[in-house]
Amino acid sequence: MANAPAFALCASADLANGGSAVPFDVVFGGQTCRAFAVRYQGEVHAYLNRCAHVAMEMDFQPNRFFDDSGDWLICATHGALYEPHTGRCRGGPCRGGLIKITLSERDGVVHWHTAHNLQPLEF
């Protein structure tokens, strides 16, 4: 991802382990989609806010994706459980895993990186 453009997303302190997500918008497949960033076991991760079972947003309350244990990302509609560090489905109805968005963290700021299928809205 060294050559991929990076965009500041939030302050590192905005993401607490197992806490609320920071939402952002991306263009995926020519459509504007919501995405979210979370922190799990000290690392930042981001995904499209789209359940792998049926393409619906997953949060049960705004910016809440972790189950009560703080160990799994959960789809509030279907109950599918996803690994926070990989996006892989580990339980419930799903077809594959979540679409991962590359993040980096430096100097107290979290950045997200574009990819061939994910672009910022302004692009």
PDB file of N, CA and C in Angstrom:
ATOM      1  N   MET A   1       0.814  -1.201   0.000  1.00  0.00           N
ATOM      2  CA  MET A   1       0.000   0.000   0.000  1.00  0.00           C
ATOM      3  C   MET A   1       0.857   1.263   0.000  1.00  0.00           C
ATOM      4  N   ALA A   2       2.137   1.103  -0.165  1.00  0.00           N
ATOM      5  CA  ALA A   2       3.017   2.261  -0.088  1.00  0.00           C
ATOM      6  C   ALA A   2       2.667   3.326  -1.116  1.00  0.00           C
ATOM      7  N   ASN A   3       2.189   2.947  -2.286  1.00  0.00           N
ATOM      8  CA  ASN A   3       1.871   3.908  -3.333  1.00  0.00           C
ATOM      9  C   ASN A   3       0.420   4.369  -3.308  1.00  0.00           C
ATOM     10  N   ALA A   4      -0.419   3.729  -2.511  1.00  0.00           N
ATOM     11  CA  ALA A   4      -1.833   4.093  -2.459  1.00  0.00           C
ATOM     12  C   ALA A   4      -2.012   5.388  -1.677  1.00  0.00           C
ATOM     13  N   PRO A   5      -2.817   6.307  -2.201  1.00  0.00           N
ATOM     14  CA  PRO A   5      -3.079   7.540  -1.439  1.00  0.00           C
ATOM     15  C   PRO A   5      -3.691   7.229  -0.075  1.00  0.00           C
ATOM     16  N   ALA A   6      -3.310   8.009   0.925  1.00  0.00           N
ATOM     17  CA  ALA A   6      -3.831   7.845   2.278  1.00  0.00           C
ATOM     18  C   ALA A   6      -4.587   9.105   2.668  1.00  0.00           C
ATOM     19  N   PHE A   7      -5.668   8.921   3.432  1.00  0.00           N
ATOM     20  CA  PHE A   7      -6.525  10.020   3.859  1.00  0.00           C
ATOM     21  C   PHE A   7      -6.698   9.955   5.364  1.00  0.00           C
ATOM     22  N   ALA A   8      -6.483  11.085   6.037  1.00  0.00           N
ATOM     23  CA  ALA A   8      -6.666  11.128   7.482  1.00  0.00           C
ATOM     24  C   ALA A   8      -8.117  10.803   7.813  1.00  0.00           C
ATOM     25  N   LEU A   9      -8.297   9.913   8.768  1.00  0.00           N
ATOM     26  CA  LEU A   9      -9.634   9.487   9.165  1.00  0.00           C
ATOM     27  C   LEU A   9     -10.019  10.050  10.528  1.00  0.00           C
ATOM     28  N   CYS A  10      -9.148   9.886  11.521  1.00  0.00           N
ATOM     29  CA  CYS A  10      -9.478  10.340  12.870  1.00  0.00           C
ATOM     30  C   CYS A  10      -8.212  10.355  13.711  1.00  0.00           C
ATOM     31  N   ALA A  11      -8.333  10.907  14.896  1.00  0.00           N
ATOM     32  CA  ALA A  11      -7.243  10.836  15.868  1.00  0.00           C
ATOM     33  C   ALA A  11      -7.184   9.418  16.418  1.00  0.00           C
ATOM     34  N   SER A  12      -6.003   8.939  16.686  1.00  0.00           N
ATOM     35  CA  SER A  12      -5.847   7.587  17.246  1.00  0.00           C
ATOM     36  C   SER A  12      -6.680   7.409  18.512  1.00  0.00           C
ATOM     37  N   ALA A  13      -6.769   8.444  19.329  1.00  0.00           N
ATOM     38  CA  ALA A  13      -7.512   8.377  20.591  1.00  0.00           C
ATOM     39  C   ALA A  13      -9.015   8.203  20.385  1.00  0.00           C
ATOM     40  N   ASP A  14      -9.511   8.447  19.170  1.00  0.00           N
ATOM     41  CA  ASP A  14     -10.945   8.289  18.896  1.00  0.00           C
ATOM     42  C   ASP A  14     -11.371   6.826  18.828  1.00  0.00           C
ATOM     43  N   LEU A  15     -10.404   5.922  18.732  1.00  0.00           N
ATOM     44  CA  LEU A  15     -10.710   4.487  18.638  1.00  0.00           C
ATOM     45  C   LEU A  15     -10.187   3.766  19.868  1.00  0.00           C
ATOM     46  N   ALA A  16     -11.112   3.315  20.711  1.00  0.00           N
ATOM     47  CA  ALA A  16     -10.763   2.560  21.914  1.00  0.00           C
ATOM     48  C   ALA A  16     -10.991   1.077  21.655  1.00  0.00           C
ATOM     49  N   ASN A  17     -10.187   0.222  22.278  1.00  0.00           N
ATOM     50  CA  ASN A  17     -10.356  -1.223  22.119  1.00  0.00           C
ATOM     51  C   ASN A  17     -11.789  -1.646  22.408  1.00  0.00           C
ATOM     52  N   GLY A  18     -12.411  -2.301  21.427  1.00  0.00           N
ATOM     53  CA  GLY A  18     -13.775  -2.803  21.601  1.00  0.00           C
ATOM     54  C   GLY A  18     -14.830  -1.727  21.730  1.00  0.00           C
ATOM     55  N   GLY A  19     -14.491  -0.486  21.431  1.00  0.00           N
ATOM     56  CA  GLY A  19     -15.416   0.631  21.607  1.00  0.00           C
ATOM     57  C   GLY A  19     -16.143   1.012  20.335  1.00  0.00           C
ATOM     58  N   SER A  20     -16.650   2.218  20.328  1.00  0.00           N
ATOM     59  CA  SER A  20     -17.401   2.732  19.186  1.00  0.00           C
ATOM     60  C   SER A  20     -16.500   2.852  17.964  1.00  0.00           C
ATOM     61  N   ALA A  21     -17.118   2.734  16.812  1.00  0.00           N
ATOM     62  CA  ALA A  21     -16.424   2.859  15.536  1.00  0.00           C
ATOM     63  C   ALA A  21     -16.424   4.305  15.067  1.00  0.00           C
ATOM     64  N   VAL A  22     -15.534   4.603  14.169  1.00  0.00           N
ATOM     65  CA  VAL A  22     -15.535   5.882  13.463  1.00  0.00           C
ATOM     66  C   VAL A  22     -16.030   5.585  12.047  1.00  0.00           C
ATOM     67  N   PRO A  23     -17.172   6.163  11.664  1.00  0.00           N
ATOM     68  CA  PRO A  23     -17.704   5.896  10.325  1.00  0.00           C
ATOM     69  C   PRO A  23     -17.065   6.815   9.277  1.00  0.00           C
ATOM     70  N   PHE A  24     -17.063   6.364   8.041  1.00  0.00           N
ATOM     71  CA  PHE A  24     -16.629   7.195   6.917  1.00  0.00           C
ATOM     72  C   PHE A  24     -17.251   6.645   5.639  1.00  0.00           C
ATOM     73  N   ASP A  25     -17.259   7.459   4.615  1.00  0.00           N
ATOM     74  CA  ASP A  25     -17.859   7.068   3.343  1.00  0.00           C
ATOM     75  C   ASP A  25     -16.782   6.785   2.309  1.00  0.00           C
ATOM     76  N   VAL A  26     -17.025   5.777   1.490  1.00  0.00           N
ATOM     77  CA  VAL A  26     -16.145   5.428   0.383  1.00  0.00           C
ATOM     78  C   VAL A  26     -17.005   5.181  -0.852  1.00  0.00           C
ATOM     79  N   VAL A  27     -16.360   5.172  -1.990  1.00  0.00           N
ATOM     80  CA  VAL A  27     -17.021   4.749  -3.226  1.00  0.00           C
ATOM     81  C   VAL A  27     -16.545   3.329  -3.505  1.00  0.00           C
ATOM     82  N   PHE A  28     -17.491   2.410  -3.594  1.00  0.00           N
ATOM     83  CA  PHE A  28     -17.212   1.000  -3.836  1.00  0.00           C
ATOM     84  C   PHE A  28     -18.127   0.532  -4.956  1.00  0.00           C
ATOM     85  N   GLY A  29     -17.565   0.033  -6.013  1.00  0.00           N
ATOM     86  CA  GLY A  29     -18.380  -0.430  -7.136  1.00  0.00           C
ATOM     87  C   GLY A  29     -19.222   0.681  -7.741  1.00  0.00           C
ATOM     88  N   GLY A  30     -18.717   1.907  -7.703  1.00  0.00           N
ATOM     89  CA  GLY A  30     -19.447   3.039  -8.266  1.00  0.00           C
ATOM     90  C   GLY A  30     -20.531   3.610  -7.379  1.00  0.00           C
ATOM     91  N   GLN A  31     -20.685   3.074  -6.163  1.00  0.00           N
ATOM     92  CA  GLN A  31     -21.722   3.550  -5.243  1.00  0.00           C
ATOM     93  C   GLN A  31     -21.094   4.061  -3.950  1.00  0.00           C
ATOM     94  N   THR A  32     -21.727   5.072  -3.358  1.00  0.00           N
ATOM     95  CA  THR A  32     -21.294   5.555  -2.056  1.00  0.00           C
ATOM     96  C   THR A  32     -21.725   4.551  -0.997  1.00  0.00           C
ATOM     97  N   CYS A  33     -20.775   4.128  -0.173  1.00  0.00           N
ATOM     98  CA  CYS A  33     -21.047   3.152   0.885  1.00  0.00           C
ATOM     99  C   CYS A  33     -20.459   3.654   2.197  1.00  0.00           C
ATOM    100  N   ARG A  34     -21.085   3.260   3.287  1.00  0.00           N
ATOM    101  CA  ARG A  34     -20.545   3.555   4.610  1.00  0.00           C
ATOM    102  C   ARG A  34     -19.475   2.524   4.924  1.00  0.00           C
ATOM    103  N   ALA A  35     -18.497   2.960   5.651  1.00  0.00           N
ATOM    104  CA  ALA A  35     -17.439   2.091   6.150  1.00  0.00           C
ATOM    105  C   ALA A  35     -17.236   2.446   7.620  1.00  0.00           C
ATOM    106  N   PHE A  36     -16.470   1.615   8.325  1.00  0.00           N
ATOM    107  CA  PHE A  36     -16.213   1.907   9.733  1.00  0.00           C
ATOM    108  C   PHE A  36     -14.825   1.436  10.124  1.00  0.00           C
ATOM    109  N   ALA A  37     -14.253   2.135  11.073  1.00  0.00           N
ATOM    110  CA  ALA A  37     -12.961   1.772  11.644  1.00  0.00           C
ATOM    111  C   ALA A  37     -13.152   1.481  13.125  1.00  0.00           C
ATOM    112  N   VAL A  38     -12.450   0.458  13.606  1.00  0.00           N
ATOM    113  CA  VAL A  38     -12.494   0.069  15.015  1.00  0.00           C
ATOM    114  C   VAL A  38     -11.076  -0.238  15.484  1.00  0.00           C
ATOM    115  N   ARG A  39     -10.941  -0.339  16.788  1.00  0.00           N
ATOM    116  CA  ARG A  39      -9.673  -0.797  17.363  1.00  0.00           C
ATOM    117  C   ARG A  39      -9.959  -2.101  18.090  1.00  0.00           C
ATOM    118  N   TYR A  40      -9.093  -3.095  17.853  1.00  0.00           N
ATOM    119  CA  TYR A  40      -9.212  -4.397  18.501  1.00  0.00           C
ATOM    120  C   TYR A  40      -7.817  -4.861  18.888  1.00  0.00           C
ATOM    121  N   GLN A  41      -7.631  -5.169  20.162  1.00  0.00           N
ATOM    122  CA  GLN A  41      -6.341  -5.604  20.702  1.00  0.00           C
ATOM    123  C   GLN A  41      -5.212  -4.659  20.282  1.00  0.00           C
ATOM    124  N   GLY A  42      -5.501  -3.359  20.343  1.00  0.00           N
ATOM    125  CA  GLY A  42      -4.506  -2.338  20.088  1.00  0.00           C
ATOM    126  C   GLY A  42      -4.285  -1.992  18.626  1.00  0.00           C
ATOM    127  N   GLU A  43      -4.864  -2.741  17.708  1.00  0.00           N
ATOM    128  CA  GLU A  43      -4.684  -2.515  16.271  1.00  0.00           C
ATOM    129  C   GLU A  43      -5.957  -1.911  15.669  1.00  0.00           C
ATOM    130  N   VAL A  44      -5.778  -1.058  14.653  1.00  0.00           N
ATOM    131  CA  VAL A  44      -6.930  -0.475  13.974  1.00  0.00           C
ATOM    132  C   VAL A  44      -7.281  -1.304  12.740  1.00  0.00           C
ATOM    133  N   HIS A  45      -8.599  -1.411  12.496  1.00  0.00           N
ATOM    134  CA  HIS A  45      -9.118  -2.194  11.375  1.00  0.00           C
ATOM    135  C   HIS A  45     -10.310  -1.450  10.804  1.00  0.00           C
ATOM    136  N   ALA A  46     -10.550  -1.626   9.504  1.00  0.00           N
ATOM    137  CA  ALA A  46     -11.708  -0.982   8.870  1.00  0.00           C
ATOM    138  C   ALA A  46     -12.322  -1.910   7.840  1.00  0.00           C
ATOM    139  N   TYR A  47     -13.643  -1.761   7.686  1.00  0.00           N
ATOM    140  CA  TYR A  47     -14.412  -2.598   6.766  1.00  0.00           C
ATOM    141  C   TYR A  47     -15.550  -1.788   6.167  1.00  0.00           C
ATOM    142  N   LEU A  48     -16.057  -2.252   5.028  1.00  0.00           N
ATOM    143  CA  LEU A  48     -17.320  -1.712   4.540  1.00  0.00           C
ATOM    144  C   LEU A  48     -18.383  -2.091   5.543  1.00  0.00           C
ATOM    145  N   ASN A  49     -19.328  -1.214   5.784  1.00  0.00           N
ATOM    146  CA  ASN A  49     -20.431  -1.494   6.697  1.00  0.00           C
ATOM    147  C   ASN A  49     -21.497  -2.252   5.913  1.00  0.00           C
ATOM    148  N   ARG A  50     -21.166  -3.506   5.609  1.00  0.00           N
ATOM    149  CA  ARG A  50     -22.038  -4.326   4.773  1.00  0.00           C
ATOM    150  C   ARG A  50     -21.897  -5.779   5.203  1.00  0.00           C
ATOM    151  N   CYS A  51     -22.971  -6.353   5.719  1.00  0.00           N
ATOM    152  CA  CYS A  51     -22.968  -7.751   6.136  1.00  0.00           C
ATOM    153  C   CYS A  51     -22.703  -8.640   4.916  1.00  0.00           C
ATOM    154  N   ALA A  52     -21.925  -9.693   5.115  1.00  0.00           N
ATOM    155  CA  ALA A  52     -21.630 -10.623   4.021  1.00  0.00           C
ATOM    156  C   ALA A  52     -22.832 -11.514   3.693  1.00  0.00           C
ATOM    157  N   HIS A  53     -23.800 -11.604   4.580  1.00  0.00           N
ATOM    158  CA  HIS A  53     -24.992 -12.424   4.345  1.00  0.00           C
ATOM    159  C   HIS A  53     -25.937 -11.717   3.380  1.00  0.00           C
ATOM    160  N   VAL A  54     -26.365 -10.539   3.725  1.00  0.00           N
ATOM    161  CA  VAL A  54     -27.204  -9.682   2.886  1.00  0.00           C
ATOM    162  C   VAL A  54     -26.614  -8.283   3.011  1.00  0.00           C
ATOM    163  N   ALA A  55     -26.470  -7.604   1.911  1.00  0.00           N
ATOM    164  CA  ALA A  55     -25.782  -6.300   1.911  1.00  0.00           C
ATOM    165  C   ALA A  55     -26.593  -5.236   2.653  1.00  0.00           C
ATOM    166  N   MET A  56     -26.548  -5.316   3.995  1.00  0.00           N
ATOM    167  CA  MET A  56     -27.209  -4.346   4.869  1.00  0.00           C
ATOM    168  C   MET A  56     -26.177  -3.819   5.844  1.00  0.00           C
ATOM    169  N   GLU A  57     -26.380  -2.579   6.314  1.00  0.00           N
ATOM    170  CA  GLU A  57     -25.480  -2.054   7.336  1.00  0.00           C
ATOM    171  C   GLU A  57     -25.617  -2.874   8.610  1.00  0.00           C
ATOM    172  N   MET A  58     -24.530  -3.033   9.330  1.00  0.00           N
ATOM    173  CA  MET A  58     -24.468  -3.976  10.442  1.00  0.00           C
ATOM    174  C   MET A  58     -24.694  -3.393  11.824  1.00  0.00           C
ATOM    175  N   ASP A  59     -24.452  -2.115  12.040  1.00  0.00           N
ATOM    176  CA  ASP A  59     -24.466  -1.584  13.399  1.00  0.00           C
ATOM    177  C   ASP A  59     -25.859  -1.619  14.016  1.00  0.00           C
ATOM    178  N   PHE A  60     -25.907  -2.038  15.297  1.00  0.00           N
ATOM    179  CA  PHE A  60     -27.190  -2.124  16.013  1.00  0.00           C
ATOM    180  C   PHE A  60     -27.575  -0.789  16.614  1.00  0.00           C
ATOM    181  N   GLN A  61     -26.626   0.049  16.873  1.00  0.00           N
ATOM    182  CA  GLN A  61     -26.803   1.442  17.257  1.00  0.00           C
ATOM    183  C   GLN A  61     -25.748   2.190  16.477  1.00  0.00           C
ATOM    184  N   PRO A  62     -25.910   3.469  16.243  1.00  0.00           N
ATOM    185  CA  PRO A  62     -24.895   4.170  15.460  1.00  0.00           C
ATOM    186  C   PRO A  62     -23.474   3.922  15.976  1.00  0.00           C
ATOM    187  N   ASN A  63     -22.633   3.440  15.080  1.00  0.00           N
ATOM    188  CA  ASN A  63     -21.206   3.221  15.339  1.00  0.00           C
ATOM    189  C   ASN A  63     -20.903   2.136  16.364  1.00  0.00           C
ATOM    190  N   ARG A  64     -21.848   1.229  16.606  1.00  0.00           N
ATOM    191  CA  ARG A  64     -21.638   0.106  17.536  1.00  0.00           C
ATOM    192  C   ARG A  64     -21.644  -1.192  16.739  1.00  0.00           C
ATOM    193  N   PHE A  65     -20.496  -1.882  16.721  1.00  0.00           N
ATOM    194  CA  PHE A  65     -20.346  -3.112  15.948  1.00  0.00           C
ATOM    195  C   PHE A  65     -19.910  -4.295  16.789  1.00  0.00           C
ATOM    196  N   PHE A  66     -19.324  -4.033  17.972  1.00  0.00           N
ATOM    197  CA  PHE A  66     -18.850  -5.127  18.812  1.00  0.00           C
ATOM    198  C   PHE A  66     -19.996  -5.740  19.600  1.00  0.00           C
ATOM    199  N   ASP A  67     -19.912  -7.060  19.817  1.00  0.00           N
ATOM    200  CA  ASP A  67     -20.874  -7.715  20.696  1.00  0.00           C
ATOM    201  C   ASP A  67     -20.535  -7.326  22.140  1.00  0.00           C
ATOM    202  N   ASP A  68     -21.312  -7.839  23.096  1.00  0.00           N
ATOM    203  CA  ASP A  68     -21.123  -7.468  24.500  1.00  0.00           C
ATOM    204  C   ASP A  68     -19.746  -7.848  25.036  1.00  0.00           C
ATOM    205  N   SER A  69     -19.143  -8.898  24.476  1.00  0.00           N
ATOM    206  CA  SER A  69     -17.828  -9.330  24.954  1.00  0.00           C
ATOM    207  C   SER A  69     -16.703  -8.445  24.426  1.00  0.00           C
ATOM    208  N   GLY A  70     -16.958  -7.700  23.353  1.00  0.00           N
ATOM    209  CA  GLY A  70     -15.927  -6.894  22.724  1.00  0.00           C
ATOM    210  C   GLY A  70     -14.964  -7.716  21.884  1.00  0.00           C
ATOM    211  N   ASP A  71     -15.302  -8.991  21.650  1.00  0.00           N
ATOM    212  CA  ASP A  71     -14.420  -9.892  20.903  1.00  0.00           C
ATOM    213  C   ASP A  71     -14.859 -10.135  19.462  1.00  0.00           C
ATOM    214  N   TRP A  72     -16.083  -9.780  19.136  1.00  0.00           N
ATOM    215  CA  TRP A  72     -16.613 -10.062  17.794  1.00  0.00           C
ATOM    216  C   TRP A  72     -17.334  -8.845  17.233  1.00  0.00           C
ATOM    217  N   LEU A  73     -17.223  -8.673  15.925  1.00  0.00           N
ATOM    218  CA  LEU A  73     -18.089  -7.725  15.221  1.00  0.00           C
ATOM    219  C   LEU A  73     -19.357  -8.499  14.900  1.00  0.00           C
ATOM    220  N   ILE A  74     -20.503  -7.870  15.095  1.00  0.00           N
ATOM    221  CA  ILE A  74     -21.762  -8.590  14.920  1.00  0.00           C
ATOM    222  C   ILE A  74     -22.700  -7.809  14.013  1.00  0.00           C
ATOM    223  N   CYS A  75     -23.397  -8.539  13.158  1.00  0.00           N
ATOM    224  CA  CYS A  75     -24.447  -7.937  12.344  1.00  0.00           C
ATOM    225  C   CYS A  75     -25.726  -7.940  13.174  1.00  0.00           C
ATOM    226  N   ALA A  76     -26.236  -6.771  13.460  1.00  0.00           N
ATOM    227  CA  ALA A  76     -27.417  -6.659  14.316  1.00  0.00           C
ATOM    228  C   ALA A  76     -28.646  -7.287  13.686  1.00  0.00           C
ATOM    229  N   THR A  77     -28.721  -7.314  12.362  1.00  0.00           N
ATOM    230  CA  THR A  77     -29.894  -7.850  11.684  1.00  0.00           C
ATOM    231  C   THR A  77     -29.872  -9.370  11.604  1.00  0.00           C
ATOM    232  N   HIS A  78     -28.711  -9.943  11.276  1.00  0.00           N
ATOM    233  CA  HIS A  78     -28.640 -11.378  11.006  1.00  0.00           C
ATOM    234  C   HIS A  78     -27.911 -12.186  12.066  1.00  0.00           C
ATOM    235  N   GLY A  79     -27.180 -11.520  12.953  1.00  0.00           N
ATOM    236  CA  GLY A  79     -26.451 -12.214  14.003  1.00  0.00           C
ATOM    237  C   GLY A  79     -25.141 -12.831  13.559  1.00  0.00           C
ATOM    238  N   ALA A  80     -24.689 -12.548  12.348  1.00  0.00           N
ATOM    239  CA  ALA A  80     -23.405 -13.082  11.900  1.00  0.00           C
ATOM    240  C   ALA A  80     -22.289 -12.478  12.742  1.00  0.00           C
ATOM    241  N   LEU A  81     -21.307 -13.297  13.096  1.00  0.00           N
ATOM    242  CA  LEU A  81     -20.164 -12.863  13.898  1.00  0.00           C
ATOM    243  C   LEU A  81     -18.912 -12.852  13.028  1.00  0.00           C
ATOM    244  N   TYR A  82     -18.148 -11.774  13.134  1.00  0.00           N
ATOM    245  CA  TYR A  82     -16.940 -11.611  12.335  1.00  0.00           C
ATOM    246  C   TYR A  82     -15.744 -11.346  13.231  1.00  0.00           C
ATOM    247  N   GLU A  83     -14.587 -11.894  12.841  1.00  0.00           N
ATOM    248  CA  GLU A  83     -13.341 -11.614  13.547  1.00  0.00           C
ATOM    249  C   GLU A  83     -12.973 -10.155  13.315  1.00  0.00           C
ATOM    250  N   PRO A  84     -12.726  -9.385  14.378  1.00  0.00           N
ATOM    251  CA  PRO A  84     -12.400  -7.968  14.205  1.00  0.00           C
ATOM    252  C   PRO A  84     -11.090  -7.717  13.461  1.00  0.00           C
ATOM    253  N   HIS A  85     -10.138  -8.633  13.537  1.00  0.00           N
ATOM    254  CA  HIS A  85      -8.834  -8.408  12.921  1.00  0.00           C
ATOM    255  C   HIS A  85      -8.741  -8.901  11.478  1.00  0.00           C
ATOM    256  N   THR A  86      -9.677  -9.744  11.038  1.00  0.00           N
ATOM    257  CA  THR A  86      -9.623 -10.260   9.662  1.00  0.00           C
ATOM    258  C   THR A  86     -10.896  -9.992   8.867  1.00  0.00           C
ATOM    259  N   GLY A  87     -12.031  -9.843   9.560  1.00  0.00           N
ATOM    260  CA  GLY A  87     -13.316  -9.709   8.882  1.00  0.00           C
ATOM    261  C   GLY A  87     -13.911 -11.046   8.489  1.00  0.00           C
ATOM    262  N   ARG A  88     -13.240 -12.142   8.830  1.00  0.00           N
ATOM    263  CA  ARG A  88     -13.731 -13.471   8.480  1.00  0.00           C
ATOM    264  C   ARG A  88     -14.958 -13.835   9.315  1.00  0.00           C
ATOM    265  N   CYS A  89     -15.966 -14.416   8.680  1.00  0.00           N
ATOM    266  CA  CYS A  89     -17.168 -14.845   9.384  1.00  0.00           C
ATOM    267  C   CYS A  89     -16.854 -16.075  10.219  1.00  0.00           C
ATOM    268  N   ARG A  90     -17.273 -16.058  11.485  1.00  0.00           N
ATOM    269  CA  ARG A  90     -17.041 -17.178  12.392  1.00  0.00           C
ATOM    270  C   ARG A  90     -18.314 -17.775  12.947  1.00  0.00           C
ATOM    271  N   GLY A  91     -19.471 -17.229  12.586  1.00  0.00           N
ATOM    272  CA  GLY A  91     -20.716 -17.806  13.066  1.00  0.00           C
ATOM    273  C   GLY A  91     -21.913 -17.068  12.511  1.00  0.00           C
ATOM    274  N   GLY A  92     -23.042 -17.778  12.441  1.00  0.00           N
ATOM    275  CA  GLY A  92     -24.257 -17.171  11.923  1.00  0.00           C
ATOM    276  C   GLY A  92     -24.283 -17.191  10.406  1.00  0.00           C
ATOM    277  N   PRO A  93     -25.326 -16.627   9.837  1.00  0.00           N
ATOM    278  CA  PRO A  93     -25.447 -16.660   8.375  1.00  0.00           C
ATOM    279  C   PRO A  93     -24.490 -15.676   7.700  1.00  0.00           C
ATOM    280  N   CYS A  94     -23.691 -16.183   6.804  1.00  0.00           N
ATOM    281  CA  CYS A  94     -22.826 -15.291   6.037  1.00  0.00           C
ATOM    282  C   CYS A  94     -22.312 -16.007   4.796  1.00  0.00           C
ATOM    283  N   ARG A  95     -21.907 -15.223   3.870  1.00  0.00           N
ATOM    284  CA  ARG A  95     -21.320 -15.723   2.621  1.00  0.00           C
ATOM    285  C   ARG A  95     -19.969 -15.029   2.460  1.00  0.00           C
ATOM    286  N   GLY A  96     -18.941 -15.624   2.991  1.00  0.00           N
ATOM    287  CA  GLY A  96     -17.633 -14.989   2.933  1.00  0.00           C
ATOM    288  C   GLY A  96     -17.403 -14.101   4.142  1.00  0.00           C
ATOM    289  N   GLY A  97     -16.619 -13.059   3.934  1.00  0.00           N
ATOM    290  CA  GLY A  97     -16.298 -12.162   5.038  1.00  0.00           C
ATOM    291  C   GLY A  97     -16.531 -10.721   4.663  1.00  0.00           C
ATOM    292  N   LEU A  98     -16.153  -9.844   5.577  1.00  0.00           N
ATOM    293  CA  LEU A  98     -16.303  -8.407   5.357  1.00  0.00           C
ATOM    294  C   LEU A  98     -15.225  -7.910   4.392  1.00  0.00           C
ATOM    295  N   ILE A  99     -15.504  -6.815   3.725  1.00  0.00           N
ATOM    296  CA  ILE A  99     -14.540  -6.207   2.808  1.00  0.00           C
ATOM    297  C   ILE A  99     -13.642  -5.279   3.614  1.00  0.00           C
ATOM    298  N   LYS A 100     -12.370  -5.657   3.685  1.00  0.00           N
ATOM    299  CA  LYS A 100     -11.394  -4.937   4.520  1.00  0.00           C
ATOM    300  C   LYS A 100     -10.872  -3.703   3.802  1.00  0.00           C
ATOM    301  N   ILE A 101     -10.656  -2.660   4.571  1.00  0.00           N
ATOM    302  CA  ILE A 101     -10.070  -1.414   4.088  1.00  0.00           C
ATOM    303  C   ILE A 101      -8.755  -1.235   4.840  1.00  0.00           C
ATOM    304  N   THR A 102      -7.691  -0.966   4.132  1.00  0.00           N
ATOM    305  CA  THR A 102      -6.376  -0.839   4.743  1.00  0.00           C
ATOM    306  C   THR A 102      -6.263   0.477   5.513  1.00  0.00           C
ATOM    307  N   LEU A 103      -5.800   0.360   6.754  1.00  0.00           N
ATOM    308  CA  LEU A 103      -5.545   1.515   7.606  1.00  0.00           C
ATOM    309  C   LEU A 103      -4.077   1.544   7.995  1.00  0.00           C
ATOM    310  N   SER A 104      -3.613   2.713   8.360  1.00  0.00           N
ATOM    311  CA  SER A 104      -2.310   2.856   8.991  1.00  0.00           C
ATOM    312  C   SER A 104      -2.469   3.885  10.106  1.00  0.00           C
ATOM    313  N   GLU A 105      -1.514   3.877  11.010  1.00  0.00           N
ATOM    314  CA  GLU A 105      -1.587   4.782  12.153  1.00  0.00           C
ATOM    315  C   GLU A 105      -0.193   5.344  12.392  1.00  0.00           C
ATOM    316  N   ARG A 106      -0.094   6.660  12.405  1.00  0.00           N
ATOM    317  CA  ARG A 106       1.195   7.296  12.685  1.00  0.00           C
ATOM    318  C   ARG A 106       0.970   8.694  13.259  1.00  0.00           C
ATOM    319  N   ASP A 107       1.837   9.058  14.149  1.00  0.00           N
ATOM    320  CA  ASP A 107       1.811  10.390  14.761  1.00  0.00           C
ATOM    321  C   ASP A 107       0.443  10.753  15.333  1.00  0.00           C
ATOM    322  N   GLY A 108      -0.237   9.756  15.928  1.00  0.00           N
ATOM    323  CA  GLY A 108      -1.519  10.011  16.577  1.00  0.00           C
ATOM    324  C   GLY A 108      -2.692  10.181  15.639  1.00  0.00           C
ATOM    325  N   VAL A 109      -2.546   9.767  14.370  1.00  0.00           N
ATOM    326  CA  VAL A 109      -3.630   9.882  13.386  1.00  0.00           C
ATOM    327  C   VAL A 109      -3.803   8.550  12.674  1.00  0.00           C
ATOM    328  N   VAL A 110      -5.063   8.152  12.476  1.00  0.00           N
ATOM    329  CA  VAL A 110      -5.396   6.963  11.699  1.00  0.00           C
ATOM    330  C   VAL A 110      -5.708   7.413  10.275  1.00  0.00           C
ATOM    331  N   HIS A 111      -5.122   6.729   9.307  1.00  0.00           N
ATOM    332  CA  HIS A 111      -5.332   7.025   7.888  1.00  0.00           C
ATOM    333  C   HIS A 111      -5.928   5.800   7.202  1.00  0.00           C
ATOM    334  N   TRP A 112      -6.769   6.026   6.196  1.00  0.00           N
ATOM    335  CA  TRP A 112      -7.242   4.906   5.377  1.00  0.00           C
ATOM    336  C   TRP A 112      -6.650   5.065   3.992  1.00  0.00           C
ATOM    337  N   HIS A 113      -6.444   3.920   3.347  1.00  0.00           N
ATOM    338  CA  HIS A 113      -5.745   3.884   2.064  1.00  0.00           C
ATOM    339  C   HIS A 113      -6.691   3.423   0.960  1.00  0.00           C
ATOM    340  N   THR A 114      -6.621   4.094  -0.173  1.00  0.00           N
ATOM    341  CA  THR A 114      -7.455   3.710  -1.305  1.00  0.00           C
ATOM    342  C   THR A 114      -6.952   2.389  -1.882  1.00  0.00           C
ATOM    343  N   ALA A 115      -7.803   1.777  -2.655  1.00  0.00           N
ATOM    344  CA  ALA A 115      -7.474   0.547  -3.376  1.00  0.00           C
ATOM    345  C   ALA A 115      -8.186   0.627  -4.714  1.00  0.00           C
ATOM    346  N   HIS A 116      -7.940  -0.348  -5.585  1.00  0.00           N
ATOM    347  CA  HIS A 116      -8.577  -0.290  -6.904  1.00  0.00           C
ATOM    348  C   HIS A 116     -10.102  -0.267  -6.833  1.00  0.00           C
ATOM    349  N   ASN A 117     -10.662  -0.867  -5.787  1.00  0.00           N
ATOM    350  CA  ASN A 117     -12.127  -0.937  -5.677  1.00  0.00           C
ATOM    351  C   ASN A 117     -12.713  -0.004  -4.609  1.00  0.00           C
ATOM    352  N   LEU A 118     -11.864   0.757  -3.917  1.00  0.00           N
ATOM    353  CA  LEU A 118     -12.312   1.665  -2.866  1.00  0.00           C
ATOM    354  C   LEU A 118     -11.666   3.023  -3.079  1.00  0.00           C
ATOM    355  N   GLN A 119     -12.485   4.043  -3.184  1.00  0.00           N
ATOM    356  CA  GLN A 119     -11.979   5.405  -3.434  1.00  0.00           C
ATOM    357  C   GLN A 119     -12.697   6.374  -2.497  1.00  0.00           C
ATOM    358  N   PRO A 120     -12.082   7.520  -2.232  1.00  0.00           N
ATOM    359  CA  PRO A 120     -12.766   8.551  -1.441  1.00  0.00           C
ATOM    360  C   PRO A 120     -13.864   9.183  -2.291  1.00  0.00           C
ATOM    361  N   LEU A 121     -14.799   9.828  -1.659  1.00  0.00           N
ATOM    362  CA  LEU A 121     -15.914  10.454  -2.382  1.00  0.00           C
ATOM    363  C   LEU A 121     -15.450  11.507  -3.354  1.00  0.00           C
ATOM    364  N   GLU A 122     -14.397  12.227  -3.026  1.00  0.00           N
ATOM    365  CA  GLU A 122     -13.937  13.326  -3.878  1.00  0.00           C
ATOM    366  C   GLU A 122     -13.201  12.849  -5.121  1.00  0.00           C
ATOM    367  N   PHE A 123     -12.844  11.577  -5.169  1.00  0.00           N
ATOM    368  CA  PHE A 123     -11.996  11.061  -6.239  1.00  0.00           C
ATOM    369  C   PHE A 123     -12.663  11.149  -7.582  1.00  0.00           C
TER     370      PHE A 123
END
